PDB file of N, CA and C in Angstrom:
ATOM      1  N   UNK A   1      35.310  26.242  91.014  1.00  0.00           N
ATOM      2  CA  UNK A   1      33.878  26.467  90.899  1.00  0.00           C
ATOM      3  C   UNK A   1      33.304  25.449  89.932  1.00  0.00           C
ATOM      4  N   UNK A   2      32.327  24.702  90.358  1.00  0.00           N
ATOM      5  CA  UNK A   2      31.735  23.682  89.498  1.00  0.00           C
ATOM      6  C   UNK A   2      30.364  24.139  89.022  1.00  0.00           C
ATOM      7  N   UNK A   3      29.975  23.635  87.862  1.00  0.00           N
ATOM      8  CA  UNK A   3      28.665  23.956  87.288  1.00  0.00           C
ATOM      9  C   UNK A   3      27.587  23.181  88.030  1.00  0.00           C
ATOM     10  N   UNK A   4      26.429  23.792  88.245  1.00  0.00           N
ATOM     11  CA  UNK A   4      25.336  23.036  88.864  1.00  0.00           C
ATOM     12  C   UNK A   4      24.818  21.984  87.892  1.00  0.00           C
ATOM     13  N   UNK A   5      24.424  20.858  88.420  1.00  0.00           N
ATOM     14  CA  UNK A   5      23.900  19.786  87.584  1.00  0.00           C
ATOM     15  C   UNK A   5      22.413  19.993  87.377  1.00  0.00           C
ATOM     16  N   UNK A   6      21.960  19.734  86.172  1.00  0.00           N
ATOM     17  CA  UNK A   6      20.557  19.904  85.843  1.00  0.00           C
ATOM     18  C   UNK A   6      19.787  18.623  86.134  1.00  0.00           C
ATOM     19  N   UNK A   7      18.589  18.796  86.630  1.00  0.00           N
ATOM     20  CA  UNK A   7      17.706  17.674  86.902  1.00  0.00           C
ATOM     21  C   UNK A   7      16.698  17.564  85.769  1.00  0.00           C
ATOM     22  N   UNK A   8      16.477  16.396  85.294  1.00  0.00           N
ATOM     23  CA  UNK A   8      15.505  16.113  84.240  1.00  0.00           C
ATOM     24  C   UNK A   8      15.669  17.068  83.060  1.00  0.00           C
ATOM     25  N   UNK A   9      14.605  17.859  82.805  1.00  0.00           N
ATOM     26  CA  UNK A   9      14.625  18.722  81.636  1.00  0.00           C
ATOM     27  C   UNK A   9      15.007  20.163  81.956  1.00  0.00           C
ATOM     28  N   UNK A  10      15.552  20.437  83.111  1.00  0.00           N
ATOM     29  CA  UNK A  10      15.917  21.803  83.460  1.00  0.00           C
ATOM     30  C   UNK A  10      17.134  22.208  82.630  1.00  0.00           C
ATOM     31  N   UNK A  11      16.880  22.840  81.522  1.00  0.00           N
ATOM     32  CA  UNK A  11      17.957  23.244  80.638  1.00  0.00           C
ATOM     33  C   UNK A  11      17.936  24.762  80.485  1.00  0.00           C
ATOM     34  N   UNK A  12      19.039  25.436  80.733  1.00  0.00           N
ATOM     35  CA  UNK A  12      19.062  26.897  80.658  1.00  0.00           C
ATOM     36  C   UNK A  12      18.882  27.428  79.242  1.00  0.00           C
ATOM     37  N   UNK A  13      19.022  26.583  78.253  1.00  0.00           N
ATOM     38  CA  UNK A  13      18.948  27.026  76.869  1.00  0.00           C
ATOM     39  C   UNK A  13      17.554  26.876  76.273  1.00  0.00           C
ATOM     40  N   UNK A  14      16.608  26.354  77.016  1.00  0.00           N
ATOM     41  CA  UNK A  14      15.261  26.121  76.492  1.00  0.00           C
ATOM     42  C   UNK A  14      14.493  27.440  76.437  1.00  0.00           C
ATOM     43  N   UNK A  15      13.807  27.675  75.319  1.00  0.00           N
ATOM     44  CA  UNK A  15      12.955  28.859  75.235  1.00  0.00           C
ATOM     45  C   UNK A  15      11.619  28.564  75.923  1.00  0.00           C
ATOM     46  N   UNK A  16      10.714  29.526  75.923  1.00  0.00           N
ATOM     47  CA  UNK A  16       9.446  29.386  76.641  1.00  0.00           C
ATOM     48  C   UNK A  16       8.629  28.202  76.121  1.00  0.00           C
ATOM     49  N   UNK A  17       8.516  28.070  74.794  1.00  0.00           N
ATOM     50  CA  UNK A  17       7.731  26.975  74.221  1.00  0.00           C
ATOM     51  C   UNK A  17       8.320  25.623  74.601  1.00  0.00           C
ATOM     52  N   UNK A  18       9.653  25.515  74.513  1.00  0.00           N
ATOM     53  CA  UNK A  18      10.309  24.253  74.869  1.00  0.00           C
ATOM     54  C   UNK A  18      10.121  23.936  76.352  1.00  0.00           C
ATOM     55  N   UNK A  19      10.204  24.965  77.201  1.00  0.00           N
ATOM     56  CA  UNK A  19      10.021  24.751  78.635  1.00  0.00           C
ATOM     57  C   UNK A  19       8.606  24.274  78.941  1.00  0.00           C
ATOM     58  N   UNK A  20       7.606  24.847  78.250  1.00  0.00           N
ATOM     59  CA  UNK A  20       6.221  24.405  78.445  1.00  0.00           C
ATOM     60  C   UNK A  20       6.039  22.956  78.006  1.00  0.00           C
ATOM     61  N   UNK A  21       6.636  22.592  76.874  1.00  0.00           N
ATOM     62  CA  UNK A  21       6.544  21.220  76.379  1.00  0.00           C
ATOM     63  C   UNK A  21       7.199  20.248  77.354  1.00  0.00           C
ATOM     64  N   UNK A  22       8.375  20.606  77.856  1.00  0.00           N
ATOM     65  CA  UNK A  22       9.073  19.737  78.801  1.00  0.00           C
ATOM     66  C   UNK A  22       8.270  19.580  80.095  1.00  0.00           C
ATOM     67  N   UNK A  23       7.633  20.653  80.555  1.00  0.00           N
ATOM     68  CA  UNK A  23       6.795  20.569  81.759  1.00  0.00           C
ATOM     69  C   UNK A  23       5.612  19.641  81.533  1.00  0.00           C
ATOM     70  N   UNK A  24       4.999  19.735  80.343  1.00  0.00           N
ATOM     71  CA  UNK A  24       3.866  18.868  80.023  1.00  0.00           C
ATOM     72  C   UNK A  24       4.287  17.405  79.978  1.00  0.00           C
ATOM     73  N   UNK A  25       5.460  17.132  79.434  1.00  0.00           N
ATOM     74  CA  UNK A  25       5.965  15.755  79.364  1.00  0.00           C
ATOM     75  C   UNK A  25       6.213  15.227  80.781  1.00  0.00           C
ATOM     76  N   UNK A  26       6.865  16.044  81.619  1.00  0.00           N
ATOM     77  CA  UNK A  26       7.151  15.616  82.990  1.00  0.00           C
ATOM     78  C   UNK A  26       5.872  15.359  83.793  1.00  0.00           C
ATOM     79  N   UNK A  27       4.840  16.170  83.538  1.00  0.00           N
ATOM     80  CA  UNK A  27       3.581  16.029  84.273  1.00  0.00           C
ATOM     81  C   UNK A  27       2.695  14.925  83.711  1.00  0.00           C
ATOM     82  N   UNK A  28       3.086  14.365  82.577  1.00  0.00           N
ATOM     83  CA  UNK A  28       2.298  13.313  81.952  1.00  0.00           C
ATOM     84  C   UNK A  28       1.095  13.850  81.204  1.00  0.00           C
ATOM     85  N   UNK A  29       1.095  15.157  80.922  1.00  0.00           N
ATOM     86  CA  UNK A  29      -0.047  15.784  80.250  1.00  0.00           C
ATOM     87  C   UNK A  29       0.165  15.917  78.747  1.00  0.00           C
ATOM     88  N   UNK A  30       1.295  15.471  78.254  1.00  0.00           N
ATOM     89  CA  UNK A  30       1.592  15.592  76.832  1.00  0.00           C
ATOM     90  C   UNK A  30       0.958  14.442  76.062  1.00  0.00           C
ATOM     91  N   UNK A  31       0.307  14.759  74.964  1.00  0.00           N
ATOM     92  CA  UNK A  31      -0.221  13.713  74.089  1.00  0.00           C
ATOM     93  C   UNK A  31       0.174  14.046  72.655  1.00  0.00           C
ATOM     94  N   UNK A  32       0.512  13.027  71.929  1.00  0.00           N
ATOM     95  CA  UNK A  32       0.918  13.219  70.543  1.00  0.00           C
ATOM     96  C   UNK A  32      -0.283  13.592  69.688  1.00  0.00           C
ATOM     97  N   UNK A  33      -0.072  14.565  68.788  1.00  0.00           N
ATOM     98  CA  UNK A  33      -1.146  14.943  67.879  1.00  0.00           C
ATOM     99  C   UNK A  33      -1.320  13.903  66.781  1.00  0.00           C
ATOM    100  N   UNK A  34      -0.245  13.225  66.422  1.00  0.00           N
ATOM    101  CA  UNK A  34      -0.278  12.244  65.352  1.00  0.00           C
ATOM    102  C   UNK A  34       0.248  10.917  65.896  1.00  0.00           C
ATOM    103  N   UNK A  35      -0.411   9.816  65.600  1.00  0.00           N
ATOM    104  CA  UNK A  35       0.089   8.521  66.063  1.00  0.00           C
ATOM    105  C   UNK A  35       1.524   8.287  65.575  1.00  0.00           C
ATOM    106  N   UNK A  36       2.318   7.678  66.420  1.00  0.00           N
ATOM    107  CA  UNK A  36       3.725   7.463  66.121  1.00  0.00           C
ATOM    108  C   UNK A  36       3.931   6.708  64.812  1.00  0.00           C
ATOM    109  N   UNK A  37       3.148   5.672  64.562  1.00  0.00           N
ATOM    110  CA  UNK A  37       3.308   4.873  63.345  1.00  0.00           C
ATOM    111  C   UNK A  37       3.081   5.729  62.095  1.00  0.00           C
ATOM    112  N   UNK A  38       2.064   6.592  62.146  1.00  0.00           N
ATOM    113  CA  UNK A  38       1.778   7.452  60.994  1.00  0.00           C
ATOM    114  C   UNK A  38       2.894   8.484  60.792  1.00  0.00           C
ATOM    115  N   UNK A  39       3.356   9.084  61.885  1.00  0.00           N
ATOM    116  CA  UNK A  39       4.436  10.063  61.796  1.00  0.00           C
ATOM    117  C   UNK A  39       5.705   9.412  61.240  1.00  0.00           C
ATOM    118  N   UNK A  40       5.993   8.206  61.720  1.00  0.00           N
ATOM    119  CA  UNK A  40       7.183   7.477  61.253  1.00  0.00           C
ATOM    120  C   UNK A  40       7.076   7.189  59.765  1.00  0.00           C
ATOM    121  N   UNK A  41       5.905   6.786  59.293  1.00  0.00           N
ATOM    122  CA  UNK A  41       5.698   6.497  57.875  1.00  0.00           C
ATOM    123  C   UNK A  41       5.880   7.757  57.028  1.00  0.00           C
ATOM    124  N   UNK A  42       5.373   8.886  57.521  1.00  0.00           N
ATOM    125  CA  UNK A  42       5.525  10.136  56.776  1.00  0.00           C
ATOM    126  C   UNK A  42       6.988  10.550  56.677  1.00  0.00           C
ATOM    127  N   UNK A  43       7.723  10.413  57.764  1.00  0.00           N
ATOM    128  CA  UNK A  43       9.143  10.763  57.747  1.00  0.00           C
ATOM    129  C   UNK A  43       9.933   9.823  56.836  1.00  0.00           C
ATOM    130  N   UNK A  44       9.590   8.542  56.844  1.00  0.00           N
ATOM    131  CA  UNK A  44      10.287   7.599  55.966  1.00  0.00           C
ATOM    132  C   UNK A  44      10.016   7.928  54.500  1.00  0.00           C
ATOM    133  N   UNK A  45       8.783   8.313  54.176  1.00  0.00           N
ATOM    134  CA  UNK A  45       8.462   8.727  52.811  1.00  0.00           C
ATOM    135  C   UNK A  45       9.268   9.950  52.414  1.00  0.00           C
ATOM    136  N   UNK A  46       9.404  10.899  53.329  1.00  0.00           N
ATOM    137  CA  UNK A  46      10.171  12.112  53.038  1.00  0.00           C
ATOM    138  C   UNK A  46      11.637  11.787  52.796  1.00  0.00           C
ATOM    139  N   UNK A  47      12.182  10.888  53.608  1.00  0.00           N
ATOM    140  CA  UNK A  47      13.582  10.494  53.439  1.00  0.00           C
ATOM    141  C   UNK A  47      13.779   9.804  52.090  1.00  0.00           C
ATOM    142  N   UNK A  48      12.882   8.889  51.752  1.00  0.00           N
ATOM    143  CA  UNK A  48      12.997   8.180  50.479  1.00  0.00           C
ATOM    144  C   UNK A  48      12.907   9.137  49.294  1.00  0.00           C
ATOM    145  N   UNK A  49      12.074  10.160  49.412  1.00  0.00           N
ATOM    146  CA  UNK A  49      11.927  11.138  48.333  1.00  0.00           C
ATOM    147  C   UNK A  49      13.221  11.915  48.111  1.00  0.00           C
ATOM    148  N   UNK A  50      13.988  12.125  49.180  1.00  0.00           N
ATOM    149  CA  UNK A  50      15.240  12.865  49.035  1.00  0.00           C
ATOM    150  C   UNK A  50      16.382  11.969  48.570  1.00  0.00           C
ATOM    151  N   UNK A  51      16.218  10.663  48.686  1.00  0.00           N
ATOM    152  CA  UNK A  51      17.299   9.749  48.314  1.00  0.00           C
ATOM    153  C   UNK A  51      17.247   9.320  46.847  1.00  0.00           C
ATOM    154  N   UNK A  52      16.168   9.625  46.160  1.00  0.00           N
ATOM    155  CA  UNK A  52      16.058   9.197  44.771  1.00  0.00           C
ATOM    156  C   UNK A  52      17.103   9.907  43.926  1.00  0.00           C
ATOM    157  N   UNK A  53      17.835   9.126  43.174  1.00  0.00           N
ATOM    158  CA  UNK A  53      18.885   9.683  42.317  1.00  0.00           C
ATOM    159  C   UNK A  53      18.698   9.148  40.909  1.00  0.00           C
ATOM    160  N   UNK A  54      19.019   9.969  39.940  1.00  0.00           N
ATOM    161  CA  UNK A  54      18.900   9.577  38.550  1.00  0.00           C
ATOM    162  C   UNK A  54      20.289   9.645  37.917  1.00  0.00           C
ATOM    163  N   UNK A  55      20.718   8.570  37.288  1.00  0.00           N
ATOM    164  CA  UNK A  55      22.031   8.607  36.645  1.00  0.00           C
ATOM    165  C   UNK A  55      22.011   9.520  35.420  1.00  0.00           C
ATOM    166  N   UNK A  56      23.118  10.246  35.222  1.00  0.00           N
ATOM    167  CA  UNK A  56      23.240  11.107  34.045  1.00  0.00           C
ATOM    168  C   UNK A  56      24.579  10.847  33.382  1.00  0.00           C
ATOM    169  N   UNK A  57      24.694  11.274  32.153  1.00  0.00           N
ATOM    170  CA  UNK A  57      25.961  11.203  31.429  1.00  0.00           C
ATOM    171  C   UNK A  57      26.358  12.629  31.089  1.00  0.00           C
ATOM    172  N   UNK A  58      27.607  12.955  31.357  1.00  0.00           N
ATOM    173  CA  UNK A  58      28.085  14.308  31.099  1.00  0.00           C
ATOM    174  C   UNK A  58      29.524  14.224  30.610  1.00  0.00           C
ATOM    175  N   UNK A  59      29.860  15.093  29.685  1.00  0.00           N
ATOM    176  CA  UNK A  59      31.232  15.131  29.180  1.00  0.00           C
ATOM    177  C   UNK A  59      31.987  16.240  29.902  1.00  0.00           C
ATOM    178  N   UNK A  60      33.113  15.848  30.526  1.00  0.00           N
ATOM    179  CA  UNK A  60      33.934  16.788  31.286  1.00  0.00           C
ATOM    180  C   UNK A  60      35.379  16.636  30.839  1.00  0.00           C
ATOM    181  N   UNK A  61      36.079  17.749  30.781  1.00  0.00           N
ATOM    182  CA  UNK A  61      37.485  17.705  30.369  1.00  0.00           C
ATOM    183  C   UNK A  61      38.292  16.864  31.361  1.00  0.00           C
ATOM    184  N   UNK A  62      39.257  16.134  30.812  1.00  0.00           N
ATOM    185  CA  UNK A  62      40.044  15.214  31.648  1.00  0.00           C
ATOM    186  C   UNK A  62      40.761  15.931  32.780  1.00  0.00           C
ATOM    187  N   UNK A  63      41.275  17.135  32.526  1.00  0.00           N
ATOM    188  CA  UNK A  63      41.994  17.841  33.592  1.00  0.00           C
ATOM    189  C   UNK A  63      41.053  18.254  34.730  1.00  0.00           C
ATOM    190  N   UNK A  64      39.796  18.538  34.388  1.00  0.00           N
ATOM    191  CA  UNK A  64      38.824  18.874  35.431  1.00  0.00           C
ATOM    192  C   UNK A  64      38.497  17.641  36.275  1.00  0.00           C
ATOM    193  N   UNK A  65      38.360  16.488  35.623  1.00  0.00           N
ATOM    194  CA  UNK A  65      38.106  15.244  36.351  1.00  0.00           C
ATOM    195  C   UNK A  65      39.281  14.933  37.279  1.00  0.00           C
ATOM    196  N   UNK A  66      40.496  15.115  36.782  1.00  0.00           N
ATOM    197  CA  UNK A  66      41.681  14.859  37.610  1.00  0.00           C
ATOM    198  C   UNK A  66      41.704  15.797  38.815  1.00  0.00           C
ATOM    199  N   UNK A  67      41.354  17.070  38.611  1.00  0.00           N
ATOM    200  CA  UNK A  67      41.338  18.029  39.723  1.00  0.00           C
ATOM    201  C   UNK A  67      40.261  17.660  40.738  1.00  0.00           C
ATOM    202  N   UNK A  68      39.107  17.254  40.249  1.00  0.00           N
ATOM    203  CA  UNK A  68      38.015  16.863  41.151  1.00  0.00           C
ATOM    204  C   UNK A  68      38.391  15.607  41.928  1.00  0.00           C
ATOM    205  N   UNK A  69      39.033  14.646  41.268  1.00  0.00           N
ATOM    206  CA  UNK A  69      39.465  13.431  41.956  1.00  0.00           C
ATOM    207  C   UNK A  69      40.488  13.755  43.040  1.00  0.00           C
ATOM    208  N   UNK A  70      41.384  14.703  42.759  1.00  0.00           N
ATOM    209  CA  UNK A  70      42.390  15.099  43.750  1.00  0.00           C
ATOM    210  C   UNK A  70      41.720  15.761  44.963  1.00  0.00           C
ATOM    211  N   UNK A  71      40.758  16.643  44.701  1.00  0.00           N
ATOM    212  CA  UNK A  71      40.027  17.292  45.798  1.00  0.00           C
ATOM    213  C   UNK A  71      39.264  16.260  46.632  1.00  0.00           C
ATOM    214  N   UNK A  72      38.640  15.314  45.956  1.00  0.00           N
ATOM    215  CA  UNK A  72      37.882  14.272  46.656  1.00  0.00           C
ATOM    216  C   UNK A  72      38.815  13.419  47.522  1.00  0.00           C
ATOM    217  N   UNK A  73      39.979  13.109  46.990  1.00  0.00           N
ATOM    218  CA  UNK A  73      40.955  12.318  47.737  1.00  0.00           C
ATOM    219  C   UNK A  73      41.397  13.070  48.993  1.00  0.00           C
ATOM    220  N   UNK A  74      41.622  14.388  48.877  1.00  0.00           N
ATOM    221  CA  UNK A  74      42.001  15.205  50.037  1.00  0.00           C
ATOM    222  C   UNK A  74      40.917  15.177  51.105  1.00  0.00           C
ATOM    223  N   UNK A  75      39.662  15.166  50.669  1.00  0.00           N
ATOM    224  CA  UNK A  75      38.538  15.189  51.602  1.00  0.00           C
ATOM    225  C   UNK A  75      38.135  13.802  52.063  1.00  0.00           C
ATOM    226  N   UNK A  76      38.696  12.776  51.438  1.00  0.00           N
ATOM    227  CA  UNK A  76      38.404  11.404  51.847  1.00  0.00           C
ATOM    228  C   UNK A  76      37.041  10.907  51.417  1.00  0.00           C
ATOM    229  N   UNK A  77      36.558  11.405  50.272  1.00  0.00           N
ATOM    230  CA  UNK A  77      35.255  10.977  49.761  1.00  0.00           C
ATOM    231  C   UNK A  77      35.408  10.558  48.303  1.00  0.00           C
ATOM    232  N   UNK A  78      34.504   9.741  47.789  1.00  0.00           N
ATOM    233  CA  UNK A  78      34.546   9.372  46.374  1.00  0.00           C
ATOM    234  C   UNK A  78      34.314  10.606  45.492  1.00  0.00           C
ATOM    235  N   UNK A  79      34.943  10.659  44.335  1.00  0.00           N
ATOM    236  CA  UNK A  79      34.836  11.848  43.497  1.00  0.00           C
ATOM    237  C   UNK A  79      33.423  12.053  42.964  1.00  0.00           C
ATOM    238  N   UNK A  80      32.686  10.972  42.731  1.00  0.00           N
ATOM    239  CA  UNK A  80      31.309  11.135  42.250  1.00  0.00           C
ATOM    240  C   UNK A  80      30.427  11.741  43.332  1.00  0.00           C
ATOM    241  N   UNK A  81      30.712  11.428  44.587  1.00  0.00           N
ATOM    242  CA  UNK A  81      29.988  12.045  45.696  1.00  0.00           C
ATOM    243  C   UNK A  81      30.279  13.534  45.742  1.00  0.00           C
ATOM    244  N   UNK A  82      31.532  13.915  45.514  1.00  0.00           N
ATOM    245  CA  UNK A  82      31.901  15.331  45.487  1.00  0.00           C
ATOM    246  C   UNK A  82      31.194  16.054  44.345  1.00  0.00           C
ATOM    247  N   UNK A  83      31.169  15.456  43.164  1.00  0.00           N
ATOM    248  CA  UNK A  83      30.491  16.066  42.016  1.00  0.00           C
ATOM    249  C   UNK A  83      29.002  16.240  42.327  1.00  0.00           C
ATOM    250  N   UNK A  84      28.381  15.214  42.877  1.00  0.00           N
ATOM    251  CA  UNK A  84      26.958  15.292  43.223  1.00  0.00           C
ATOM    252  C   UNK A  84      26.711  16.380  44.265  1.00  0.00           C
ATOM    253  N   UNK A  85      27.617  16.506  45.222  1.00  0.00           N
ATOM    254  CA  UNK A  85      27.489  17.532  46.257  1.00  0.00           C
ATOM    255  C   UNK A  85      27.594  18.928  45.662  1.00  0.00           C
ATOM    256  N   UNK A  86      28.540  19.121  44.760  1.00  0.00           N
ATOM    257  CA  UNK A  86      28.716  20.421  44.099  1.00  0.00           C
ATOM    258  C   UNK A  86      27.466  20.777  43.304  1.00  0.00           C
ATOM    259  N   UNK A  87      26.969  19.836  42.535  1.00  0.00           N
ATOM    260  CA  UNK A  87      25.759  20.091  41.738  1.00  0.00           C
ATOM    261  C   UNK A  87      24.556  20.374  42.640  1.00  0.00           C
ATOM    262  N   UNK A  88      24.430  19.617  43.723  1.00  0.00           N
ATOM    263  CA  UNK A  88      23.315  19.808  44.647  1.00  0.00           C
ATOM    264  C   UNK A  88      23.363  21.203  45.275  1.00  0.00           C
ATOM    265  N   UNK A  89      24.533  21.600  45.756  1.00  0.00           N
ATOM    266  CA  UNK A  89      24.667  22.915  46.386  1.00  0.00           C
ATOM    267  C   UNK A  89      24.423  24.035  45.387  1.00  0.00           C
ATOM    268  N   UNK A  90      24.883  23.884  44.153  1.00  0.00           N
ATOM    269  CA  UNK A  90      24.654  24.900  43.131  1.00  0.00           C
ATOM    270  C   UNK A  90      23.160  24.993  42.800  1.00  0.00           C
ATOM    271  N   UNK A  91      22.500  23.851  42.668  1.00  0.00           N
ATOM    272  CA  UNK A  91      21.073  23.830  42.363  1.00  0.00           C
ATOM    273  C   UNK A  91      20.245  24.466  43.477  1.00  0.00           C
ATOM    274  N   UNK A  92      20.689  24.308  44.727  1.00  0.00           N
ATOM    275  CA  UNK A  92      19.963  24.866  45.869  1.00  0.00           C
ATOM    276  C   UNK A  92      20.320  26.333  46.123  1.00  0.00           C
ATOM    277  N   UNK A  93      21.326  26.846  45.403  1.00  0.00           N
ATOM    278  CA  UNK A  93      21.704  28.248  45.579  1.00  0.00           C
ATOM    279  C   UNK A  93      22.677  28.521  46.686  1.00  0.00           C
ATOM    280  N   UNK A  94      23.234  27.460  47.283  1.00  0.00           N
ATOM    281  CA  UNK A  94      24.210  27.660  48.355  1.00  0.00           C
ATOM    282  C   UNK A  94      25.643  27.685  47.837  1.00  0.00           C
ATOM    283  N   UNK A  95      25.826  27.380  46.582  1.00  0.00           N
ATOM    284  CA  UNK A  95      27.137  27.455  45.942  1.00  0.00           C
ATOM    285  C   UNK A  95      26.972  28.374  44.739  1.00  0.00           C
ATOM    286  N   UNK A  96      27.749  29.421  44.727  1.00  0.00           N
ATOM    287  CA  UNK A  96      27.622  30.408  43.653  1.00  0.00           C
ATOM    288  C   UNK A  96      28.915  30.472  42.853  1.00  0.00           C
ATOM    289  N   UNK A  97      28.798  30.733  41.577  1.00  0.00           N
ATOM    290  CA  UNK A  97      29.990  30.858  40.751  1.00  0.00           C
ATOM    291  C   UNK A  97      30.592  32.236  40.959  1.00  0.00           C
ATOM    292  N   UNK A  98      31.918  32.334  40.853  1.00  0.00           N
ATOM    293  CA  UNK A  98      32.596  33.616  40.985  1.00  0.00           C
ATOM    294  C   UNK A  98      32.313  34.487  39.775  1.00  0.00           C
ATOM    295  N   UNK A  99      32.109  35.761  40.037  1.00  0.00           N
ATOM    296  CA  UNK A  99      31.828  36.695  38.933  1.00  0.00           C
ATOM    297  C   UNK A  99      33.102  37.346  38.450  1.00  0.00           C
TER     298      UNK A  99
END
């Protein structure tokens, strides 16, 4: 038994809003609310705002640095990237300390 092939935007996973949008695009009735150049500039500004990093100095015990470097090596990433990721997740509330 083979799966039926979908034509164009006929996707079984599309909700009602997505199906209406796809129909409008196919019919040529879709128009952008915001010019592409302006939208692109806004998205680039948003990306740049998230990429800004500030260097800090912190004192950490040598054994903790060694453990973090070992974990980073296992994951195949630089240890400073791992430290930044841990701090970022903790600051956002997605990483919690054990009680």
